[in-house]
Amino acid sequence: MEKTKLTINNNGSVKIEGDFEIVDTQGNAYGLQDRTVVSICRCGLSKNKPFCDGSHKGHFEHNAIAFDLPPKKV
């Protein structure tokens, strides 16, 4: 099985690709209609949360540059 891939887009959403399930806090699954790619809002402006509807355009700035997290606390 391939890994699920999350891409943090510059000035926008988080794109999820692969085999995944998205659930709410009660464990209920969103009906994704067999999609293997969705974008999740991270600006808070979408009217279709948790999914991106493009509302971030011109209202959200973040350059996505990968970095290493510090070691896990034990």
PDB file of N, CA and C in Angstrom:
ATOM      1  N   MET A   1       0.841  -1.180   0.000  1.00  0.00           N
ATOM      2  CA  MET A   1       0.000   0.000   0.000  1.00  0.00           C
ATOM      3  C   MET A   1       0.890   1.248   0.000  1.00  0.00           C
ATOM      4  N   GLU A   2       0.553   2.183  -0.858  1.00  0.00           N
ATOM      5  CA  GLU A   2       1.306   3.432  -0.915  1.00  0.00           C
ATOM      6  C   GLU A   2       0.952   4.324   0.266  1.00  0.00           C
ATOM      7  N   LYS A   3       1.887   5.176   0.643  1.00  0.00           N
ATOM      8  CA  LYS A   3       1.646   6.132   1.709  1.00  0.00           C
ATOM      9  C   LYS A   3       0.673   7.206   1.237  1.00  0.00           C
ATOM     10  N   THR A   4      -0.116   7.705   2.180  1.00  0.00           N
ATOM     11  CA  THR A   4      -0.938   8.874   1.905  1.00  0.00           C
ATOM     12  C   THR A   4      -0.013  10.073   1.904  1.00  0.00           C
ATOM     13  N   LYS A   5      -0.197  10.977   0.951  1.00  0.00           N
ATOM     14  CA  LYS A   5       0.679  12.136   0.811  1.00  0.00           C
ATOM     15  C   LYS A   5      -0.099  13.413   1.125  1.00  0.00           C
ATOM     16  N   LEU A   6       0.452  14.234   2.018  1.00  0.00           N
ATOM     17  CA  LEU A   6      -0.098  15.554   2.320  1.00  0.00           C
ATOM     18  C   LEU A   6       0.870  16.592   1.787  1.00  0.00           C
ATOM     19  N   THR A   7       0.365  17.520   0.982  1.00  0.00           N
ATOM     20  CA  THR A   7       1.185  18.594   0.430  1.00  0.00           C
ATOM     21  C   THR A   7       0.693  19.904   1.016  1.00  0.00           C
ATOM     22  N   ILE A   8       1.594  20.642   1.691  1.00  0.00           N
ATOM     23  CA  ILE A   8       1.271  21.945   2.244  1.00  0.00           C
ATOM     24  C   ILE A   8       1.520  22.959   1.137  1.00  0.00           C
ATOM     25  N   ASN A   9       0.459  23.511   0.590  1.00  0.00           N
ATOM     26  CA  ASN A   9       0.573  24.441  -0.531  1.00  0.00           C
ATOM     27  C   ASN A   9       0.927  25.842  -0.050  1.00  0.00           C
ATOM     28  N   ASN A  10       1.751  26.533  -0.828  1.00  0.00           N
ATOM     29  CA  ASN A  10       2.029  27.937  -0.540  1.00  0.00           C
ATOM     30  C   ASN A  10       0.727  28.721  -0.587  1.00  0.00           C
ATOM     31  N   ASN A  11       0.516  29.573   0.402  1.00  0.00           N
ATOM     32  CA  ASN A  11      -0.636  30.487   0.416  1.00  0.00           C
ATOM     33  C   ASN A  11      -1.965  29.773   0.231  1.00  0.00           C
ATOM     34  N   GLY A  12      -2.079  28.542   0.725  1.00  0.00           N
ATOM     35  CA  GLY A  12      -3.338  27.842   0.511  1.00  0.00           C
ATOM     36  C   GLY A  12      -3.532  26.607   1.352  1.00  0.00           C
ATOM     37  N   SER A  13      -4.190  25.649   0.766  1.00  0.00           N
ATOM     38  CA  SER A  13      -4.697  24.461   1.439  1.00  0.00           C
ATOM     39  C   SER A  13      -3.638  23.392   1.680  1.00  0.00           C
ATOM     40  N   VAL A  14      -4.094  22.328   2.345  1.00  0.00           N
ATOM     41  CA  VAL A  14      -3.333  21.091   2.463  1.00  0.00           C
ATOM     42  C   VAL A  14      -3.993  20.091   1.527  1.00  0.00           C
ATOM     43  N   LYS A  15      -3.244  19.623   0.536  1.00  0.00           N
ATOM     44  CA  LYS A  15      -3.764  18.638  -0.414  1.00  0.00           C
ATOM     45  C   LYS A  15      -3.450  17.244   0.110  1.00  0.00           C
ATOM     46  N   ILE A  16      -4.470  16.388   0.157  1.00  0.00           N
ATOM     47  CA  ILE A  16      -4.313  15.009   0.598  1.00  0.00           C
ATOM     48  C   ILE A  16      -4.534  14.104  -0.606  1.00  0.00           C
ATOM     49  N   GLU A  17      -3.582  13.192  -0.833  1.00  0.00           N
ATOM     50  CA  GLU A  17      -3.672  12.268  -1.959  1.00  0.00           C
ATOM     51  C   GLU A  17      -3.444  10.849  -1.467  1.00  0.00           C
ATOM     52  N   GLY A  18      -4.181   9.914  -2.008  1.00  0.00           N
ATOM     53  CA  GLY A  18      -3.961   8.509  -1.680  1.00  0.00           C
ATOM     54  C   GLY A  18      -5.210   7.840  -1.160  1.00  0.00           C
ATOM     55  N   ASP A  19      -5.001   6.844  -0.310  1.00  0.00           N
ATOM     56  CA  ASP A  19      -6.087   6.099   0.304  1.00  0.00           C
ATOM     57  C   ASP A  19      -6.250   6.628   1.720  1.00  0.00           C
ATOM     58  N   PHE A  20      -7.346   7.322   2.001  1.00  0.00           N
ATOM     59  CA  PHE A  20      -7.529   7.954   3.304  1.00  0.00           C
ATOM     60  C   PHE A  20      -9.005   8.040   3.640  1.00  0.00           C
ATOM     61  N   GLU A  21      -9.255   8.315   4.897  1.00  0.00           N
ATOM     62  CA  GLU A  21     -10.603   8.563   5.395  1.00  0.00           C
ATOM     63  C   GLU A  21     -10.519   9.821   6.245  1.00  0.00           C
ATOM     64  N   ILE A  22     -11.540  10.666   6.178  1.00  0.00           N
ATOM     65  CA  ILE A  22     -11.605  11.866   7.005  1.00  0.00           C
ATOM     66  C   ILE A  22     -12.837  11.731   7.883  1.00  0.00           C
ATOM     67  N   VAL A  23     -12.641  11.868   9.204  1.00  0.00           N
ATOM     68  CA  VAL A  23     -13.744  11.723  10.147  1.00  0.00           C
ATOM     69  C   VAL A  23     -13.866  12.968  11.010  1.00  0.00           C
ATOM     70  N   ASP A  24     -15.081  13.181  11.559  1.00  0.00           N
ATOM     71  CA  ASP A  24     -15.291  14.283  12.487  1.00  0.00           C
ATOM     72  C   ASP A  24     -14.912  13.836  13.906  1.00  0.00           C
ATOM     73  N   THR A  25     -15.112  14.701  14.886  1.00  0.00           N
ATOM     74  CA  THR A  25     -14.697  14.382  16.254  1.00  0.00           C
ATOM     75  C   THR A  25     -15.497  13.242  16.875  1.00  0.00           C
ATOM     76  N   GLN A  26     -16.621  12.913  16.286  1.00  0.00           N
ATOM     77  CA  GLN A  26     -17.437  11.794  16.757  1.00  0.00           C
ATOM     78  C   GLN A  26     -17.076  10.484  16.052  1.00  0.00           C
ATOM     79  N   GLY A  27     -16.136  10.550  15.092  1.00  0.00           N
ATOM     80  CA  GLY A  27     -15.731   9.362  14.347  1.00  0.00           C
ATOM     81  C   GLY A  27     -16.569   9.097  13.114  1.00  0.00           C
ATOM     82  N   ASN A  28     -17.471  10.020  12.768  1.00  0.00           N
ATOM     83  CA  ASN A  28     -18.303   9.869  11.577  1.00  0.00           C
ATOM     84  C   ASN A  28     -17.511  10.274  10.334  1.00  0.00           C
ATOM     85  N   ALA A  29     -17.542   9.423   9.322  1.00  0.00           N
ATOM     86  CA  ALA A  29     -16.781   9.675   8.096  1.00  0.00           C
ATOM     87  C   ALA A  29     -17.499  10.661   7.187  1.00  0.00           C
ATOM     88  N   TYR A  30     -16.720  11.579   6.604  1.00  0.00           N
ATOM     89  CA  TYR A  30     -17.241  12.461   5.556  1.00  0.00           C
ATOM     90  C   TYR A  30     -17.433  11.617   4.294  1.00  0.00           C
ATOM     91  N   GLY A  31     -18.489  11.885   3.546  1.00  0.00           N
ATOM     92  CA  GLY A  31     -18.745  11.166   2.298  1.00  0.00           C
ATOM     93  C   GLY A  31     -17.898  11.750   1.179  1.00  0.00           C
ATOM     94  N   LEU A  32     -16.782  11.125   0.882  1.00  0.00           N
ATOM     95  CA  LEU A  32     -15.829  11.658  -0.096  1.00  0.00           C
ATOM     96  C   LEU A  32     -16.113  11.189  -1.518  1.00  0.00           C
ATOM     97  N   GLN A  33     -17.122  10.348  -1.709  1.00  0.00           N
ATOM     98  CA  GLN A  33     -17.538   9.901  -3.039  1.00  0.00           C
ATOM     99  C   GLN A  33     -16.376   9.336  -3.860  1.00  0.00           C
ATOM    100  N   ASP A  34     -15.578   8.480  -3.229  1.00  0.00           N
ATOM    101  CA  ASP A  34     -14.455   7.784  -3.875  1.00  0.00           C
ATOM    102  C   ASP A  34     -13.325   8.706  -4.326  1.00  0.00           C
ATOM    103  N   ARG A  35     -13.266   9.929  -3.807  1.00  0.00           N
ATOM    104  CA  ARG A  35     -12.152  10.822  -4.162  1.00  0.00           C
ATOM    105  C   ARG A  35     -10.856  10.289  -3.571  1.00  0.00           C
ATOM    106  N   THR A  36      -9.778  10.433  -4.327  1.00  0.00           N
ATOM    107  CA  THR A  36      -8.447  10.081  -3.834  1.00  0.00           C
ATOM    108  C   THR A  36      -7.590  11.324  -3.654  1.00  0.00           C
ATOM    109  N   VAL A  37      -8.161  12.506  -3.930  1.00  0.00           N
ATOM    110  CA  VAL A  37      -7.489  13.795  -3.725  1.00  0.00           C
ATOM    111  C   VAL A  37      -8.524  14.783  -3.207  1.00  0.00           C
ATOM    112  N   VAL A  38      -8.223  15.433  -2.091  1.00  0.00           N
ATOM    113  CA  VAL A  38      -9.042  16.538  -1.579  1.00  0.00           C
ATOM    114  C   VAL A  38      -8.101  17.591  -1.023  1.00  0.00           C
ATOM    115  N   SER A  39      -8.609  18.803  -0.863  1.00  0.00           N
ATOM    116  CA  SER A  39      -7.831  19.876  -0.246  1.00  0.00           C
ATOM    117  C   SER A  39      -8.547  20.330   1.018  1.00  0.00           C
ATOM    118  N   ILE A  40      -7.776  20.471   2.084  1.00  0.00           N
ATOM    119  CA  ILE A  40      -8.298  20.868   3.392  1.00  0.00           C
ATOM    120  C   ILE A  40      -7.946  22.331   3.645  1.00  0.00           C
ATOM    121  N   CYS A  41      -8.935  23.089   4.109  1.00  0.00           N
ATOM    122  CA  CYS A  41      -8.754  24.510   4.411  1.00  0.00           C
ATOM    123  C   CYS A  41      -7.782  24.683   5.573  1.00  0.00           C
ATOM    124  N   ARG A  42      -6.880  25.649   5.470  1.00  0.00           N
ATOM    125  CA  ARG A  42      -6.074  26.013   6.623  1.00  0.00           C
ATOM    126  C   ARG A  42      -6.118  27.501   6.913  1.00  0.00           C
ATOM    127  N   CYS A  43      -6.864  28.264   6.120  1.00  0.00           N
ATOM    128  CA  CYS A  43      -6.973  29.704   6.362  1.00  0.00           C
ATOM    129  C   CYS A  43      -8.163  30.052   7.251  1.00  0.00           C
ATOM    130  N   GLY A  44      -9.155  29.152   7.328  1.00  0.00           N
ATOM    131  CA  GLY A  44     -10.340  29.395   8.132  1.00  0.00           C
ATOM    132  C   GLY A  44     -11.450  30.149   7.418  1.00  0.00           C
ATOM    133  N   LEU A  45     -11.259  30.492   6.149  1.00  0.00           N
ATOM    134  CA  LEU A  45     -12.249  31.290   5.415  1.00  0.00           C
ATOM    135  C   LEU A  45     -13.234  30.475   4.589  1.00  0.00           C
ATOM    136  N   SER A  46     -12.963  29.197   4.381  1.00  0.00           N
ATOM    137  CA  SER A  46     -13.816  28.376   3.532  1.00  0.00           C
ATOM    138  C   SER A  46     -15.228  28.263   4.095  1.00  0.00           C
ATOM    139  N   LYS A  47     -16.207  28.303   3.227  1.00  0.00           N
ATOM    140  CA  LYS A  47     -17.594  28.080   3.622  1.00  0.00           C
ATOM    141  C   LYS A  47     -17.931  26.589   3.542  1.00  0.00           C
ATOM    142  N   ASN A  48     -16.952  25.779   3.177  1.00  0.00           N
ATOM    143  CA  ASN A  48     -17.134  24.345   3.005  1.00  0.00           C
ATOM    144  C   ASN A  48     -16.162  23.574   3.903  1.00  0.00           C
ATOM    145  N   LYS A  49     -15.841  24.141   5.091  1.00  0.00           N
ATOM    146  CA  LYS A  49     -14.876  23.507   5.994  1.00  0.00           C
ATOM    147  C   LYS A  49     -15.312  22.092   6.346  1.00  0.00           C
ATOM    148  N   PRO A  50     -14.415  21.158   6.445  1.00  0.00           N
ATOM    149  CA  PRO A  50     -12.978  21.345   6.502  1.00  0.00           C
ATOM    150  C   PRO A  50     -12.322  21.422   5.132  1.00  0.00           C
ATOM    151  N   PHE A  51     -13.119  21.419   4.073  1.00  0.00           N
ATOM    152  CA  PHE A  51     -12.564  21.402   2.726  1.00  0.00           C
ATOM    153  C   PHE A  51     -12.333  22.813   2.202  1.00  0.00           C
ATOM    154  N   CYS A  52     -11.331  22.962   1.360  1.00  0.00           N
ATOM    155  CA  CYS A  52     -10.974  24.251   0.771  1.00  0.00           C
ATOM    156  C   CYS A  52     -11.952  24.604  -0.348  1.00  0.00           C
ATOM    157  N   ASP A  53     -12.383  25.862  -0.383  1.00  0.00           N
ATOM    158  CA  ASP A  53     -13.227  26.329  -1.483  1.00  0.00           C
ATOM    159  C   ASP A  53     -12.571  27.478  -2.250  1.00  0.00           C
ATOM    160  N   GLY A  54     -11.288  27.739  -1.966  1.00  0.00           N
ATOM    161  CA  GLY A  54     -10.556  28.790  -2.679  1.00  0.00           C
ATOM    162  C   GLY A  54     -10.682  30.168  -2.056  1.00  0.00           C
ATOM    163  N   SER A  55     -11.375  30.290  -0.933  1.00  0.00           N
ATOM    164  CA  SER A  55     -11.574  31.602  -0.288  1.00  0.00           C
ATOM    165  C   SER A  55     -10.274  32.250   0.182  1.00  0.00           C
ATOM    166  N   HIS A  56      -9.210  31.459   0.323  1.00  0.00           N
ATOM    167  CA  HIS A  56      -7.931  31.973   0.814  1.00  0.00           C
ATOM    168  C   HIS A  56      -7.239  32.910  -0.172  1.00  0.00           C
ATOM    169  N   LYS A  57      -7.582  32.824  -1.419  1.00  0.00           N
ATOM    170  CA  LYS A  57      -6.861  33.595  -2.449  1.00  0.00           C
ATOM    171  C   LYS A  57      -6.826  35.079  -2.096  1.00  0.00           C
ATOM    172  N   GLY A  58      -5.620  35.587  -1.918  1.00  0.00           N
ATOM    173  CA  GLY A  58      -5.407  36.990  -1.585  1.00  0.00           C
ATOM    174  C   GLY A  58      -5.601  37.322  -0.115  1.00  0.00           C
ATOM    175  N   HIS A  59      -5.911  36.304   0.723  1.00  0.00           N
ATOM    176  CA  HIS A  59      -6.182  36.561   2.136  1.00  0.00           C
ATOM    177  C   HIS A  59      -5.336  35.722   3.080  1.00  0.00           C
ATOM    178  N   PHE A  60      -4.416  34.953   2.558  1.00  0.00           N
ATOM    179  CA  PHE A  60      -3.657  34.022   3.397  1.00  0.00           C
ATOM    180  C   PHE A  60      -2.262  33.883   2.810  1.00  0.00           C
ATOM    181  N   GLU A  61      -1.256  34.135   3.629  1.00  0.00           N
ATOM    182  CA  GLU A  61       0.122  34.027   3.145  1.00  0.00           C
ATOM    183  C   GLU A  61       0.914  33.066   4.009  1.00  0.00           C
ATOM    184  N   HIS A  62       1.521  32.108   3.362  1.00  0.00           N
ATOM    185  CA  HIS A  62       2.425  31.183   4.046  1.00  0.00           C
ATOM    186  C   HIS A  62       3.257  30.473   2.996  1.00  0.00           C
ATOM    187  N   ASN A  63       4.558  30.627   3.067  1.00  0.00           N
ATOM    188  CA  ASN A  63       5.448  29.897   2.169  1.00  0.00           C
ATOM    189  C   ASN A  63       5.772  28.560   2.811  1.00  0.00           C
ATOM    190  N   ALA A  64       5.371  27.501   2.170  1.00  0.00           N
ATOM    191  CA  ALA A  64       5.565  26.153   2.700  1.00  0.00           C
ATOM    192  C   ALA A  64       6.984  25.685   2.401  1.00  0.00           C
ATOM    193  N   ILE A  65       7.801  25.662   3.429  1.00  0.00           N
ATOM    194  CA  ILE A  65       9.186  25.208   3.300  1.00  0.00           C
ATOM    195  C   ILE A  65       9.411  24.139   4.366  1.00  0.00           C
ATOM    196  N   ALA A  66       9.758  22.946   3.937  1.00  0.00           N
ATOM    197  CA  ALA A  66       9.935  21.821   4.857  1.00  0.00           C
ATOM    198  C   ALA A  66      11.097  22.071   5.825  1.00  0.00           C
ATOM    199  N   PHE A  67      10.934  21.547   7.039  1.00  0.00           N
ATOM    200  CA  PHE A  67      11.983  21.627   8.053  1.00  0.00           C
ATOM    201  C   PHE A  67      11.869  20.418   8.969  1.00  0.00           C
ATOM    202  N   ASP A  68      12.892  20.174   9.757  1.00  0.00           N
ATOM    203  CA  ASP A  68      12.889  19.056  10.699  1.00  0.00           C
ATOM    204  C   ASP A  68      12.307  19.503  12.027  1.00  0.00           C
ATOM    205  N   LEU A  69      11.408  18.703  12.572  1.00  0.00           N
ATOM    206  CA  LEU A  69      10.893  18.952  13.910  1.00  0.00           C
ATOM    207  C   LEU A  69      11.963  18.596  14.940  1.00  0.00           C
ATOM    208  N   PRO A  70      11.883  19.161  16.131  1.00  0.00           N
ATOM    209  CA  PRO A  70      12.814  18.735  17.178  1.00  0.00           C
ATOM    210  C   PRO A  70      12.505  17.290  17.579  1.00  0.00           C
ATOM    211  N   PRO A  71      13.427  16.621  18.265  1.00  0.00           N
ATOM    212  CA  PRO A  71      13.176  15.243  18.680  1.00  0.00           C
ATOM    213  C   PRO A  71      11.901  15.141  19.518  1.00  0.00           C
ATOM    214  N   LYS A  72      11.240  13.986  19.414  1.00  0.00           N
ATOM    215  CA  LYS A  72      10.039  13.733  20.207  1.00  0.00           C
ATOM    216  C   LYS A  72      10.388  13.723  21.690  1.00  0.00           C
ATOM    217  N   LYS A  73       9.481  14.277  22.493  1.00  0.00           N
ATOM    218  CA  LYS A  73       9.662  14.223  23.940  1.00  0.00           C
ATOM    219  C   LYS A  73       9.292  12.832  24.427  1.00  0.00           C
ATOM    220  N   VAL A  74      10.054  12.371  25.379  1.00  0.00           N
ATOM    221  CA  VAL A  74       9.814  11.016  25.886  1.00  0.00           C
ATOM    222  C   VAL A  74       9.139  11.060  27.231  1.00  0.00           C
TER     223      VAL A  74
END
